[in-house]
Amino acid sequence: MNHSNATAASAQVEQFVWITTETALDLTTSSQQVTPRINRFAPLQPIRQWLDNIAIHDAGTARTFCQIIPGRCPFERTIKLFDRTLFSIPPLCKLNPFYEQVVALRFRSLCYLADECGEDVSRYC
């Protein structure tokens, strides 16, 4: 009797697995239909990729990038008159479409100078 019960139990498990697999396939196909592929128009993407792919292999180039690219936004100002703040100009650098790539380039240059050349980079901050 044990043998017949085991056969019946294994047959039920096979049916359960088959139904579950079928349901999983239905969910996969429906999720593909929900998330269509989006094509975006990105005319600045080649320049962003070019900036991201600049490799730093020379200490002179790294120093030049660290000197040219400021550590903080140069447009941020606080206008005061007789020790009273009239108004503040917020940092406008984030409006630059290449801001993240330029900051990353400066960071890679600083890392190269600190890690590979062993220089003190606190003078560039």
PDB file of N, CA and C in Angstrom:
ATOM      1  N   MET A   1       0.798  -1.190   0.000  1.00  0.00           N
ATOM      2  CA  MET A   1       0.000   0.000   0.000  1.00  0.00           C
ATOM      3  C   MET A   1       0.846   1.261   0.000  1.00  0.00           C
ATOM      4  N   ASN A   2       1.966   1.215   0.628  1.00  0.00           N
ATOM      5  CA  ASN A   2       2.833   2.380   0.644  1.00  0.00           C
ATOM      6  C   ASN A   2       3.286   2.749  -0.759  1.00  0.00           C
ATOM      7  N   HIS A   3       3.522   1.735  -1.576  1.00  0.00           N
ATOM      8  CA  HIS A   3       4.006   1.992  -2.921  1.00  0.00           C
ATOM      9  C   HIS A   3       2.959   2.726  -3.765  1.00  0.00           C
ATOM     10  N   SER A   4       1.696   2.373  -3.631  1.00  0.00           N
ATOM     11  CA  SER A   4       0.651   3.044  -4.398  1.00  0.00           C
ATOM     12  C   SER A   4       0.426   4.473  -3.913  1.00  0.00           C
ATOM     13  N   ASN A   5       0.555   4.711  -2.626  1.00  0.00           N
ATOM     14  CA  ASN A   5       0.419   6.081  -2.103  1.00  0.00           C
ATOM     15  C   ASN A   5       1.557   6.968  -2.599  1.00  0.00           C
ATOM     16  N   ALA A   6       2.755   6.428  -2.662  1.00  0.00           N
ATOM     17  CA  ALA A   6       3.900   7.196  -3.142  1.00  0.00           C
ATOM     18  C   ALA A   6       3.734   7.551  -4.607  1.00  0.00           C
ATOM     19  N   THR A   7       3.201   6.631  -5.408  1.00  0.00           N
ATOM     20  CA  THR A   7       2.977   6.895  -6.821  1.00  0.00           C
ATOM     21  C   THR A   7       1.923   7.973  -7.003  1.00  0.00           C
ATOM     22  N   ALA A   8       0.873   7.925  -6.232  1.00  0.00           N
ATOM     23  CA  ALA A   8      -0.181   8.929  -6.330  1.00  0.00           C
ATOM     24  C   ALA A   8       0.339  10.292  -5.891  1.00  0.00           C
ATOM     25  N   ALA A   9       1.176  10.327  -4.855  1.00  0.00           N
ATOM     26  CA  ALA A   9       1.728  11.599  -4.378  1.00  0.00           C
ATOM     27  C   ALA A   9       2.660  12.200  -5.416  1.00  0.00           C
ATOM     28  N   SER A  10       3.483  11.356  -6.075  1.00  0.00           N
ATOM     29  CA  SER A  10       4.398  11.889  -7.086  1.00  0.00           C
ATOM     30  C   SER A  10       3.635  12.393  -8.305  1.00  0.00           C
ATOM     31  N   ALA A  11       2.518  11.767  -8.627  1.00  0.00           N
ATOM     32  CA  ALA A  11       1.710  12.233  -9.751  1.00  0.00           C
ATOM     33  C   ALA A  11       1.091  13.583  -9.440  1.00  0.00           C
ATOM     34  N   GLN A  12       0.692  13.800  -8.209  1.00  0.00           N
ATOM     35  CA  GLN A  12       0.130  15.093  -7.820  1.00  0.00           C
ATOM     36  C   GLN A  12       1.206  16.173  -7.856  1.00  0.00           C
ATOM     37  N   VAL A  13       2.401  15.853  -7.440  1.00  0.00           N
ATOM     38  CA  VAL A  13       3.489  16.824  -7.462  1.00  0.00           C
ATOM     39  C   VAL A  13       3.809  17.210  -8.895  1.00  0.00           C
ATOM     40  N   GLU A  14       3.813  16.247  -9.806  1.00  0.00           N
ATOM     41  CA  GLU A  14       4.094  16.560 -11.197  1.00  0.00           C
ATOM     42  C   GLU A  14       3.038  17.499 -11.775  1.00  0.00           C
ATOM     43  N   GLN A  15       1.795  17.287 -11.437  1.00  0.00           N
ATOM     44  CA  GLN A  15       0.747  18.179 -11.915  1.00  0.00           C
ATOM     45  C   GLN A  15       0.917  19.567 -11.328  1.00  0.00           C
ATOM     46  N   PHE A  16       1.267  19.658 -10.063  1.00  0.00           N
ATOM     47  CA  PHE A  16       1.447  20.951  -9.405  1.00  0.00           C
ATOM     48  C   PHE A  16       2.608  21.723 -10.028  1.00  0.00           C
ATOM     49  N   VAL A  17       3.703  21.040 -10.303  1.00  0.00           N
ATOM     50  CA  VAL A  17       4.855  21.686 -10.920  1.00  0.00           C
ATOM     51  C   VAL A  17       4.509  22.138 -12.328  1.00  0.00           C
ATOM     52  N   TRP A  18       3.789  21.328 -13.063  1.00  0.00           N
ATOM     53  CA  TRP A  18       3.416  21.697 -14.420  1.00  0.00           C
ATOM     54  C   TRP A  18       2.531  22.934 -14.428  1.00  0.00           C
ATOM     55  N   ILE A  19       1.582  23.044 -13.538  1.00  0.00           N
ATOM     56  CA  ILE A  19       0.694  24.208 -13.464  1.00  0.00           C
ATOM     57  C   ILE A  19       1.479  25.443 -13.051  1.00  0.00           C
ATOM     58  N   THR A  20       2.382  25.302 -12.087  1.00  0.00           N
ATOM     59  CA  THR A  20       3.191  26.428 -11.636  1.00  0.00           C
ATOM     60  C   THR A  20       4.084  26.938 -12.761  1.00  0.00           C
ATOM     61  N   THR A  21       4.670  26.048 -13.516  1.00  0.00           N
ATOM     62  CA  THR A  21       5.527  26.449 -14.627  1.00  0.00           C
ATOM     63  C   THR A  21       4.723  27.203 -15.675  1.00  0.00           C
ATOM     64  N   GLU A  22       3.534  26.736 -15.941  1.00  0.00           N
ATOM     65  CA  GLU A  22       2.687  27.404 -16.914  1.00  0.00           C
ATOM     66  C   GLU A  22       2.316  28.804 -16.448  1.00  0.00           C
ATOM     67  N   THR A  23       2.015  28.959 -15.169  1.00  0.00           N
ATOM     68  CA  THR A  23       1.679  30.261 -14.612  1.00  0.00           C
ATOM     69  C   THR A  23       2.890  31.195 -14.675  1.00  0.00           C
ATOM     70  N   ALA A  24       4.073  30.674 -14.381  1.00  0.00           N
ATOM     71  CA  ALA A  24       5.274  31.496 -14.416  1.00  0.00           C
ATOM     72  C   ALA A  24       5.532  32.012 -15.834  1.00  0.00           C
ATOM     73  N   LEU A  25       5.273  31.193 -16.834  1.00  0.00           N
ATOM     74  CA  LEU A  25       5.461  31.652 -18.208  1.00  0.00           C
ATOM     75  C   LEU A  25       4.481  32.761 -18.556  1.00  0.00           C
ATOM     76  N   ASP A  26       3.257  32.652 -18.082  1.00  0.00           N
ATOM     77  CA  ASP A  26       2.280  33.700 -18.343  1.00  0.00           C
ATOM     78  C   ASP A  26       2.702  35.017 -17.700  1.00  0.00           C
ATOM     79  N   LEU A  27       3.252  34.969 -16.486  1.00  0.00           N
ATOM     80  CA  LEU A  27       3.694  36.189 -15.813  1.00  0.00           C
ATOM     81  C   LEU A  27       4.872  36.818 -16.533  1.00  0.00           C
ATOM     82  N   THR A  28       5.774  36.002 -17.033  1.00  0.00           N
ATOM     83  CA  THR A  28       6.940  36.529 -17.735  1.00  0.00           C
ATOM     84  C   THR A  28       6.522  37.243 -19.018  1.00  0.00           C
ATOM     85  N   THR A  29       5.603  36.640 -19.756  1.00  0.00           N
ATOM     86  CA  THR A  29       5.178  37.279 -21.001  1.00  0.00           C
ATOM     87  C   THR A  29       4.414  38.553 -20.721  1.00  0.00           C
ATOM     88  N   SER A  30       3.614  38.587 -19.685  1.00  0.00           N
ATOM     89  CA  SER A  30       2.858  39.802 -19.401  1.00  0.00           C
ATOM     90  C   SER A  30       3.771  40.923 -18.921  1.00  0.00           C
ATOM     91  N   SER A  31       4.855  40.596 -18.176  1.00  0.00           N
ATOM     92  CA  SER A  31       5.761  41.643 -17.719  1.00  0.00           C
ATOM     93  C   SER A  31       6.539  42.239 -18.886  1.00  0.00           C
ATOM     94  N   GLN A  32       6.799  41.429 -19.925  1.00  0.00           N
ATOM     95  CA  GLN A  32       7.487  41.970 -21.088  1.00  0.00           C
ATOM     96  C   GLN A  32       6.590  42.928 -21.854  1.00  0.00           C
ATOM     97  N   GLN A  33       5.303  42.700 -21.831  1.00  0.00           N
ATOM     98  CA  GLN A  33       4.382  43.580 -22.519  1.00  0.00           C
ATOM     99  C   GLN A  33       4.182  44.886 -21.753  1.00  0.00           C
ATOM    100  N   VAL A  34       4.333  44.864 -20.443  1.00  0.00           N
ATOM    101  CA  VAL A  34       4.114  46.053 -19.629  1.00  0.00           C
ATOM    102  C   VAL A  34       5.262  47.040 -19.789  1.00  0.00           C
ATOM    103  N   THR A  35       6.497  46.548 -19.912  1.00  0.00           N
ATOM    104  CA  THR A  35       7.653  47.427 -19.997  1.00  0.00           C
ATOM    105  C   THR A  35       8.181  47.470 -21.428  1.00  0.00           C
ATOM    106  N   PRO A  36       7.658  48.347 -22.263  1.00  0.00           N
ATOM    107  CA  PRO A  36       8.163  48.439 -23.634  1.00  0.00           C
ATOM    108  C   PRO A  36       9.518  49.147 -23.660  1.00  0.00           C
ATOM    109  N   ARG A  37      10.246  48.920 -24.699  1.00  0.00           N
ATOM    110  CA  ARG A  37      11.550  49.559 -24.858  1.00  0.00           C
ATOM    111  C   ARG A  37      11.336  51.026 -25.227  1.00  0.00           C
ATOM    112  N   ILE A  38      12.072  51.897 -24.541  1.00  0.00           N
ATOM    113  CA  ILE A  38      11.935  53.332 -24.762  1.00  0.00           C
ATOM    114  C   ILE A  38      13.171  53.827 -25.501  1.00  0.00           C
ATOM    115  N   ASN A  39      12.980  54.425 -26.652  1.00  0.00           N
ATOM    116  CA  ASN A  39      14.070  55.050 -27.391  1.00  0.00           C
ATOM    117  C   ASN A  39      14.077  56.532 -27.047  1.00  0.00           C
ATOM    118  N   ARG A  40      15.210  56.984 -26.536  1.00  0.00           N
ATOM    119  CA  ARG A  40      15.323  58.393 -26.162  1.00  0.00           C
ATOM    120  C   ARG A  40      16.230  59.123 -27.148  1.00  0.00           C
ATOM    121  N   PHE A  41      15.895  60.356 -27.386  1.00  0.00           N
ATOM    122  CA  PHE A  41      16.710  61.212 -28.233  1.00  0.00           C
ATOM    123  C   PHE A  41      17.750  61.868 -27.342  1.00  0.00           C
ATOM    124  N   ALA A  42      19.021  61.527 -27.523  1.00  0.00           N
ATOM    125  CA  ALA A  42      20.098  62.038 -26.684  1.00  0.00           C
ATOM    126  C   ALA A  42      21.246  62.531 -27.569  1.00  0.00           C
ATOM    127  N   PRO A  43      21.156  63.766 -28.072  1.00  0.00           N
ATOM    128  CA  PRO A  43      22.200  64.249 -28.973  1.00  0.00           C
ATOM    129  C   PRO A  43      23.531  64.520 -28.268  1.00  0.00           C
ATOM    130  N   LEU A  44      23.528  64.713 -26.941  1.00  0.00           N
ATOM    131  CA  LEU A  44      24.758  64.996 -26.211  1.00  0.00           C
ATOM    132  C   LEU A  44      25.447  63.734 -25.697  1.00  0.00           C
ATOM    133  N   GLN A  45      24.854  62.584 -25.901  1.00  0.00           N
ATOM    134  CA  GLN A  45      25.403  61.334 -25.376  1.00  0.00           C
ATOM    135  C   GLN A  45      26.807  61.022 -25.906  1.00  0.00           C
ATOM    136  N   PRO A  46      27.132  61.253 -27.172  1.00  0.00           N
ATOM    137  CA  PRO A  46      28.510  60.970 -27.627  1.00  0.00           C
ATOM    138  C   PRO A  46      29.560  61.808 -26.898  1.00  0.00           C
ATOM    139  N   ILE A  47      29.256  63.058 -26.594  1.00  0.00           N
ATOM    140  CA  ILE A  47      30.212  63.899 -25.870  1.00  0.00           C
ATOM    141  C   ILE A  47      30.349  63.412 -24.436  1.00  0.00           C
ATOM    142  N   ARG A  48      29.242  63.013 -23.823  1.00  0.00           N
ATOM    143  CA  ARG A  48      29.299  62.469 -22.453  1.00  0.00           C
ATOM    144  C   ARG A  48      30.159  61.213 -22.415  1.00  0.00           C
ATOM    145  N   GLN A  49      29.981  60.338 -23.391  1.00  0.00           N
ATOM    146  CA  GLN A  49      30.778  59.113 -23.434  1.00  0.00           C
ATOM    147  C   GLN A  49      32.253  59.428 -23.671  1.00  0.00           C
ATOM    148  N   TRP A  50      32.536  60.402 -24.499  1.00  0.00           N
ATOM    149  CA  TRP A  50      33.922  60.792 -24.753  1.00  0.00           C
ATOM    150  C   TRP A  50      34.573  61.305 -23.467  1.00  0.00           C
ATOM    151  N   LEU A  51      33.842  62.148 -22.714  1.00  0.00           N
ATOM    152  CA  LEU A  51      34.383  62.648 -21.451  1.00  0.00           C
ATOM    153  C   LEU A  51      34.576  61.523 -20.437  1.00  0.00           C
ATOM    154  N   ASP A  52      33.651  60.575 -20.405  1.00  0.00           N
ATOM    155  CA  ASP A  52      33.774  59.452 -19.478  1.00  0.00           C
ATOM    156  C   ASP A  52      34.920  58.519 -19.847  1.00  0.00           C
ATOM    157  N   ASN A  53      35.274  58.463 -21.128  1.00  0.00           N
ATOM    158  CA  ASN A  53      36.312  57.540 -21.578  1.00  0.00           C
ATOM    159  C   ASN A  53      37.713  58.139 -21.586  1.00  0.00           C
ATOM    160  N   ILE A  54      37.868  59.389 -21.170  1.00  0.00           N
ATOM    161  CA  ILE A  54      39.206  59.975 -21.099  1.00  0.00           C
ATOM    162  C   ILE A  54      39.966  59.286 -19.970  1.00  0.00           C
ATOM    163  N   ALA A  55      41.080  58.673 -20.324  1.00  0.00           N
ATOM    164  CA  ALA A  55      41.901  57.965 -19.339  1.00  0.00           C
ATOM    165  C   ALA A  55      43.066  58.860 -18.932  1.00  0.00           C
ATOM    166  N   ILE A  56      43.378  58.841 -17.666  1.00  0.00           N
ATOM    167  CA  ILE A  56      44.475  59.647 -17.130  1.00  0.00           C
ATOM    168  C   ILE A  56      45.691  58.734 -16.985  1.00  0.00           C
ATOM    169  N   HIS A  57      46.739  59.011 -17.801  1.00  0.00           N
ATOM    170  CA  HIS A  57      47.963  58.214 -17.749  1.00  0.00           C
ATOM    171  C   HIS A  57      49.194  59.080 -17.550  1.00  0.00           C
ATOM    172  N   ASP A  58      49.001  60.387 -17.368  1.00  0.00           N
ATOM    173  CA  ASP A  58      50.128  61.309 -17.283  1.00  0.00           C
ATOM    174  C   ASP A  58      49.879  62.266 -16.127  1.00  0.00           C
ATOM    175  N   ALA A  59      50.887  62.497 -15.308  1.00  0.00           N
ATOM    176  CA  ALA A  59      50.741  63.384 -14.154  1.00  0.00           C
ATOM    177  C   ALA A  59      50.510  64.832 -14.595  1.00  0.00           C
ATOM    178  N   GLY A  60      51.133  65.245 -15.677  1.00  0.00           N
ATOM    179  CA  GLY A  60      50.950  66.613 -16.169  1.00  0.00           C
ATOM    180  C   GLY A  60      49.516  66.862 -16.622  1.00  0.00           C
ATOM    181  N   THR A  61      48.949  65.894 -17.313  1.00  0.00           N
ATOM    182  CA  THR A  61      47.557  66.016 -17.751  1.00  0.00           C
ATOM    183  C   THR A  61      46.626  66.042 -16.550  1.00  0.00           C
ATOM    184  N   ALA A  62      46.899  65.198 -15.570  1.00  0.00           N
ATOM    185  CA  ALA A  62      46.065  65.164 -14.362  1.00  0.00           C
ATOM    186  C   ALA A  62      46.136  66.489 -13.614  1.00  0.00           C
ATOM    187  N   ARG A  63      47.328  67.059 -13.498  1.00  0.00           N
ATOM    188  CA  ARG A  63      47.475  68.370 -12.825  1.00  0.00           C
ATOM    189  C   ARG A  63      46.716  69.458 -13.589  1.00  0.00           C
ATOM    190  N   THR A  64      46.793  69.417 -14.921  1.00  0.00           N
ATOM    191  CA  THR A  64      46.081  70.412 -15.737  1.00  0.00           C
ATOM    192  C   THR A  64      44.579  70.326 -15.519  1.00  0.00           C
ATOM    193  N   PHE A  65      44.030  69.107 -15.535  1.00  0.00           N
ATOM    194  CA  PHE A  65      42.600  68.944 -15.291  1.00  0.00           C
ATOM    195  C   PHE A  65      42.209  69.440 -13.899  1.00  0.00           C
ATOM    196  N   CYS A  66      43.048  69.150 -12.904  1.00  0.00           N
ATOM    197  CA  CYS A  66      42.740  69.596 -11.531  1.00  0.00           C
ATOM    198  C   CYS A  66      42.789  71.109 -11.396  1.00  0.00           C
ATOM    199  N   GLN A  67      43.643  71.767 -12.166  1.00  0.00           N
ATOM    200  CA  GLN A  67      43.726  73.222 -12.104  1.00  0.00           C
ATOM    201  C   GLN A  67      42.624  73.893 -12.905  1.00  0.00           C
ATOM    202  N   ILE A  68      42.239  73.307 -14.029  1.00  0.00           N
ATOM    203  CA  ILE A  68      41.225  73.908 -14.897  1.00  0.00           C
ATOM    204  C   ILE A  68      39.817  73.719 -14.336  1.00  0.00           C
ATOM    205  N   ILE A  69      39.519  72.521 -13.844  1.00  0.00           N
ATOM    206  CA  ILE A  69      38.173  72.216 -13.350  1.00  0.00           C
ATOM    207  C   ILE A  69      38.085  72.615 -11.886  1.00  0.00           C
ATOM    208  N   PRO A  70      37.215  73.561 -11.537  1.00  0.00           N
ATOM    209  CA  PRO A  70      37.139  74.012 -10.144  1.00  0.00           C
ATOM    210  C   PRO A  70      36.536  72.942  -9.232  1.00  0.00           C
ATOM    211  N   GLY A  71      36.937  72.999  -7.962  1.00  0.00           N
ATOM    212  CA  GLY A  71      36.437  72.047  -6.981  1.00  0.00           C
ATOM    213  C   GLY A  71      35.015  72.331  -6.544  1.00  0.00           C
ATOM    214  N   ARG A  72      34.589  73.552  -6.667  1.00  0.00           N
ATOM    215  CA  ARG A  72      33.199  73.919  -6.354  1.00  0.00           C
ATOM    216  C   ARG A  72      32.731  74.926  -7.388  1.00  0.00           C
ATOM    217  N   CYS A  73      31.436  75.144  -7.408  1.00  0.00           N
ATOM    218  CA  CYS A  73      30.859  75.990  -8.445  1.00  0.00           C
ATOM    219  C   CYS A  73      31.327  77.441  -8.301  1.00  0.00           C
ATOM    220  N   PRO A  74      31.946  78.020  -9.337  1.00  0.00           N
ATOM    221  CA  PRO A  74      32.439  79.395  -9.233  1.00  0.00           C
ATOM    222  C   PRO A  74      31.344  80.450  -9.361  1.00  0.00           C
ATOM    223  N   PHE A  75      30.144  80.064  -9.748  1.00  0.00           N
ATOM    224  CA  PHE A  75      29.073  81.026  -9.953  1.00  0.00           C
ATOM    225  C   PHE A  75      28.267  81.295  -8.688  1.00  0.00           C
ATOM    226  N   GLU A  76      28.442  80.478  -7.669  1.00  0.00           N
ATOM    227  CA  GLU A  76      27.696  80.658  -6.428  1.00  0.00           C
ATOM    228  C   GLU A  76      28.243  81.886  -5.697  1.00  0.00           C
ATOM    229  N   ARG A  77      27.387  82.822  -5.408  1.00  0.00           N
ATOM    230  CA  ARG A  77      27.788  84.069  -4.755  1.00  0.00           C
ATOM    231  C   ARG A  77      26.756  84.483  -3.723  1.00  0.00           C
ATOM    232  N   THR A  78      27.247  85.181  -2.714  1.00  0.00           N
ATOM    233  CA  THR A  78      26.369  85.825  -1.738  1.00  0.00           C
ATOM    234  C   THR A  78      26.678  87.316  -1.798  1.00  0.00           C
ATOM    235  N   ILE A  79      25.692  88.116  -2.149  1.00  0.00           N
ATOM    236  CA  ILE A  79      25.863  89.553  -2.289  1.00  0.00           C
ATOM    237  C   ILE A  79      25.506  90.215  -0.950  1.00  0.00           C
ATOM    238  N   LYS A  80      26.492  90.924  -0.386  1.00  0.00           N
ATOM    239  CA  LYS A  80      26.299  91.577   0.917  1.00  0.00           C
ATOM    240  C   LYS A  80      26.530  93.076   0.783  1.00  0.00           C
ATOM    241  N   LEU A  81      25.836  93.810   1.602  1.00  0.00           N
ATOM    242  CA  LEU A  81      26.005  95.255   1.690  1.00  0.00           C
ATOM    243  C   LEU A  81      25.933  95.638   3.162  1.00  0.00           C
ATOM    244  N   PHE A  82      27.018  96.183   3.688  1.00  0.00           N
ATOM    245  CA  PHE A  82      27.122  96.555   5.097  1.00  0.00           C
ATOM    246  C   PHE A  82      26.807  95.371   6.014  1.00  0.00           C
ATOM    247  N   ASP A  83      27.435  94.255   5.763  1.00  0.00           N
ATOM    248  CA  ASP A  83      27.272  93.015   6.545  1.00  0.00           C
ATOM    249  C   ASP A  83      25.856  92.466   6.549  1.00  0.00           C
ATOM    250  N   ARG A  84      25.049  92.863   5.613  1.00  0.00           N
ATOM    251  CA  ARG A  84      23.702  92.302   5.461  1.00  0.00           C
ATOM    252  C   ARG A  84      23.636  91.597   4.116  1.00  0.00           C
ATOM    253  N   THR A  85      23.116  90.407   4.132  1.00  0.00           N
ATOM    254  CA  THR A  85      22.979  89.633   2.912  1.00  0.00           C
ATOM    255  C   THR A  85      21.782  90.147   2.123  1.00  0.00           C
ATOM    256  N   LEU A  86      22.066  90.666   0.925  1.00  0.00           N
ATOM    257  CA  LEU A  86      20.986  91.139   0.060  1.00  0.00           C
ATOM    258  C   LEU A  86      20.323  89.975  -0.661  1.00  0.00           C
ATOM    259  N   PHE A  87      21.123  89.156  -1.307  1.00  0.00           N
ATOM    260  CA  PHE A  87      20.600  87.969  -1.990  1.00  0.00           C
ATOM    261  C   PHE A  87      21.752  87.017  -2.268  1.00  0.00           C
ATOM    262  N   SER A  88      21.386  85.785  -2.568  1.00  0.00           N
ATOM    263  CA  SER A  88      22.364  84.751  -2.885  1.00  0.00           C
ATOM    264  C   SER A  88      22.076  84.192  -4.269  1.00  0.00           C
ATOM    265  N   ILE A  89      23.140  83.983  -5.002  1.00  0.00           N
ATOM    266  CA  ILE A  89      23.022  83.344  -6.311  1.00  0.00           C
ATOM    267  C   ILE A  89      23.332  81.864  -6.096  1.00  0.00           C
ATOM    268  N   PRO A  90      22.393  80.993  -6.415  1.00  0.00           N
ATOM    269  CA  PRO A  90      22.628  79.560  -6.186  1.00  0.00           C
ATOM    270  C   PRO A  90      23.666  79.014  -7.170  1.00  0.00           C
ATOM    271  N   PRO A  91      24.227  77.855  -6.856  1.00  0.00           N
ATOM    272  CA  PRO A  91      25.190  77.260  -7.789  1.00  0.00           C
ATOM    273  C   PRO A  91      24.494  76.865  -9.093  1.00  0.00           C
ATOM    274  N   LEU A  92      25.001  77.374 -10.194  1.00  0.00           N
ATOM    275  CA  LEU A  92      24.386  77.136 -11.496  1.00  0.00           C
ATOM    276  C   LEU A  92      25.089  76.046 -12.293  1.00  0.00           C
ATOM    277  N   CYS A  93      26.111  75.442 -11.711  1.00  0.00           N
ATOM    278  CA  CYS A  93      26.875  74.435 -12.452  1.00  0.00           C
ATOM    279  C   CYS A  93      26.042  73.216 -12.790  1.00  0.00           C
ATOM    280  N   LYS A  94      25.072  72.888 -11.978  1.00  0.00           N
ATOM    281  CA  LYS A  94      24.271  71.693 -12.251  1.00  0.00           C
ATOM    282  C   LYS A  94      23.369  71.869 -13.463  1.00  0.00           C
ATOM    283  N   LEU A  95      23.269  73.070 -13.980  1.00  0.00           N
ATOM    284  CA  LEU A  95      22.535  73.293 -15.222  1.00  0.00           C
ATOM    285  C   LEU A  95      23.353  72.873 -16.445  1.00  0.00           C
ATOM    286  N   ASN A  96      24.654  72.718 -16.250  1.00  0.00           N
ATOM    287  CA  ASN A  96      25.545  72.279 -17.318  1.00  0.00           C
ATOM    288  C   ASN A  96      25.240  70.815 -17.641  1.00  0.00           C
ATOM    289  N   PRO A  97      24.961  70.479 -18.902  1.00  0.00           N
ATOM    290  CA  PRO A  97      24.621  69.087 -19.234  1.00  0.00           C
ATOM    291  C   PRO A  97      25.792  68.113 -19.066  1.00  0.00           C
ATOM    292  N   PHE A  98      27.015  68.613 -18.963  1.00  0.00           N
ATOM    293  CA  PHE A  98      28.190  67.767 -18.808  1.00  0.00           C
ATOM    294  C   PHE A  98      28.773  67.845 -17.399  1.00  0.00           C
ATOM    295  N   TYR A  99      28.016  68.370 -16.460  1.00  0.00           N
ATOM    296  CA  TYR A  99      28.509  68.595 -15.102  1.00  0.00           C
ATOM    297  C   TYR A  99      29.038  67.304 -14.469  1.00  0.00           C
ATOM    298  N   GLU A 100      28.263  66.237 -14.511  1.00  0.00           N
ATOM    299  CA  GLU A 100      28.667  64.985 -13.862  1.00  0.00           C
ATOM    300  C   GLU A 100      29.924  64.403 -14.503  1.00  0.00           C
ATOM    301  N   GLN A 101      30.049  64.488 -15.807  1.00  0.00           N
ATOM    302  CA  GLN A 101      31.217  63.942 -16.487  1.00  0.00           C
ATOM    303  C   GLN A 101      32.472  64.756 -16.167  1.00  0.00           C
ATOM    304  N   VAL A 102      32.336  66.078 -16.097  1.00  0.00           N
ATOM    305  CA  VAL A 102      33.495  66.930 -15.807  1.00  0.00           C
ATOM    306  C   VAL A 102      33.951  66.726 -14.367  1.00  0.00           C
ATOM    307  N   VAL A 103      33.014  66.624 -13.439  1.00  0.00           N
ATOM    308  CA  VAL A 103      33.373  66.378 -12.048  1.00  0.00           C
ATOM    309  C   VAL A 103      34.026  65.005 -11.908  1.00  0.00           C
ATOM    310  N   ALA A 104      33.528  64.016 -12.630  1.00  0.00           N
ATOM    311  CA  ALA A 104      34.137  62.686 -12.591  1.00  0.00           C
ATOM    312  C   ALA A 104      35.549  62.707 -13.173  1.00  0.00           C
ATOM    313  N   LEU A 105      35.772  63.508 -14.217  1.00  0.00           N
ATOM    314  CA  LEU A 105      37.110  63.637 -14.798  1.00  0.00           C
ATOM    315  C   LEU A 105      38.077  64.258 -13.788  1.00  0.00           C
ATOM    316  N   ARG A 106      37.633  65.272 -13.083  1.00  0.00           N
ATOM    317  CA  ARG A 106      38.469  65.887 -12.048  1.00  0.00           C
ATOM    318  C   ARG A 106      38.777  64.892 -10.937  1.00  0.00           C
ATOM    319  N   PHE A 107      37.772  64.123 -10.545  1.00  0.00           N
ATOM    320  CA  PHE A 107      37.963  63.124  -9.501  1.00  0.00           C
ATOM    321  C   PHE A 107      38.961  62.045  -9.937  1.00  0.00           C
ATOM    322  N   ARG A 108      38.849  61.580 -11.184  1.00  0.00           N
ATOM    323  CA  ARG A 108      39.811  60.589 -11.686  1.00  0.00           C
ATOM    324  C   ARG A 108      41.218  61.157 -11.710  1.00  0.00           C
ATOM    325  N   SER A 109      41.339  62.447 -12.050  1.00  0.00           N
ATOM    326  CA  SER A 109      42.655  63.087 -12.060  1.00  0.00           C
ATOM    327  C   SER A 109      43.229  63.170 -10.654  1.00  0.00           C
ATOM    328  N   LEU A 110      42.404  63.563  -9.692  1.00  0.00           N
ATOM    329  CA  LEU A 110      42.866  63.623  -8.308  1.00  0.00           C
ATOM    330  C   LEU A 110      43.272  62.241  -7.797  1.00  0.00           C
ATOM    331  N   CYS A 111      42.499  61.232  -8.132  1.00  0.00           N
ATOM    332  CA  CYS A 111      42.822  59.865  -7.707  1.00  0.00           C
ATOM    333  C   CYS A 111      44.124  59.388  -8.329  1.00  0.00           C
ATOM    334  N   TYR A 112      44.344  59.732  -9.597  1.00  0.00           N
ATOM    335  CA  TYR A 112      45.587  59.333 -10.255  1.00  0.00           C
ATOM    336  C   TYR A 112      46.778  59.988  -9.565  1.00  0.00           C
ATOM    337  N   LEU A 113      46.670  61.287  -9.274  1.00  0.00           N
ATOM    338  CA  LEU A 113      47.773  61.986  -8.626  1.00  0.00           C
ATOM    339  C   LEU A 113      48.036  61.427  -7.227  1.00  0.00           C
ATOM    340  N   ALA A 114      46.982  61.107  -6.499  1.00  0.00           N
ATOM    341  CA  ALA A 114      47.155  60.611  -5.131  1.00  0.00           C
ATOM    342  C   ALA A 114      47.638  59.158  -5.116  1.00  0.00           C
ATOM    343  N   ASP A 115      47.032  58.304  -5.926  1.00  0.00           N
ATOM    344  CA  ASP A 115      47.332  56.873  -5.865  1.00  0.00           C
ATOM    345  C   ASP A 115      48.586  56.497  -6.654  1.00  0.00           C
ATOM    346  N   GLU A 116      48.682  56.944  -7.882  1.00  0.00           N
ATOM    347  CA  GLU A 116      49.786  56.525  -8.752  1.00  0.00           C
ATOM    348  C   GLU A 116      51.049  57.365  -8.545  1.00  0.00           C
ATOM    349  N   CYS A 117      50.873  58.674  -8.386  1.00  0.00           N
ATOM    350  CA  CYS A 117      52.045  59.559  -8.276  1.00  0.00           C
ATOM    351  C   CYS A 117      52.429  59.846  -6.837  1.00  0.00           C
ATOM    352  N   GLY A 118      51.541  59.601  -5.897  1.00  0.00           N
ATOM    353  CA  GLY A 118      51.836  59.830  -4.491  1.00  0.00           C
ATOM    354  C   GLY A 118      51.900  61.306  -4.119  1.00  0.00           C
ATOM    355  N   GLU A 119      51.219  62.161  -4.857  1.00  0.00           N
ATOM    356  CA  GLU A 119      51.237  63.598  -4.591  1.00  0.00           C
ATOM    357  C   GLU A 119      50.200  63.970  -3.539  1.00  0.00           C
ATOM    358  N   ASP A 120      50.427  65.097  -2.894  1.00  0.00           N
ATOM    359  CA  ASP A 120      49.460  65.658  -1.957  1.00  0.00           C
ATOM    360  C   ASP A 120      48.462  66.485  -2.777  1.00  0.00           C
ATOM    361  N   VAL A 121      47.222  66.053  -2.822  1.00  0.00           N
ATOM    362  CA  VAL A 121      46.220  66.707  -3.664  1.00  0.00           C
ATOM    363  C   VAL A 121      45.431  67.750  -2.905  1.00  0.00           C
ATOM    364  N   SER A 122      45.798  68.038  -1.666  1.00  0.00           N
ATOM    365  CA  SER A 122      45.030  69.037  -0.884  1.00  0.00           C
ATOM    366  C   SER A 122      45.187  70.439  -1.460  1.00  0.00           C
ATOM    367  N   ARG A 123      46.211  70.681  -2.231  1.00  0.00           N
ATOM    368  CA  ARG A 123      46.380  72.016  -2.818  1.00  0.00           C
ATOM    369  C   ARG A 123      45.405  72.266  -3.959  1.00  0.00           C
ATOM    370  N   TYR A 124      44.814  71.207  -4.522  1.00  0.00           N
ATOM    371  CA  TYR A 124      43.848  71.359  -5.604  1.00  0.00           C
ATOM    372  C   TYR A 124      42.423  71.493  -5.088  1.00  0.00           C
ATOM    373  N   CYS A 125      42.219  71.353  -3.806  1.00  0.00           N
ATOM    374  CA  CYS A 125      40.855  71.412  -3.248  1.00  0.00           C
ATOM    375  C   CYS A 125      40.429  72.811  -2.927  1.00  0.00           C
TER     376      CYS A 125
END
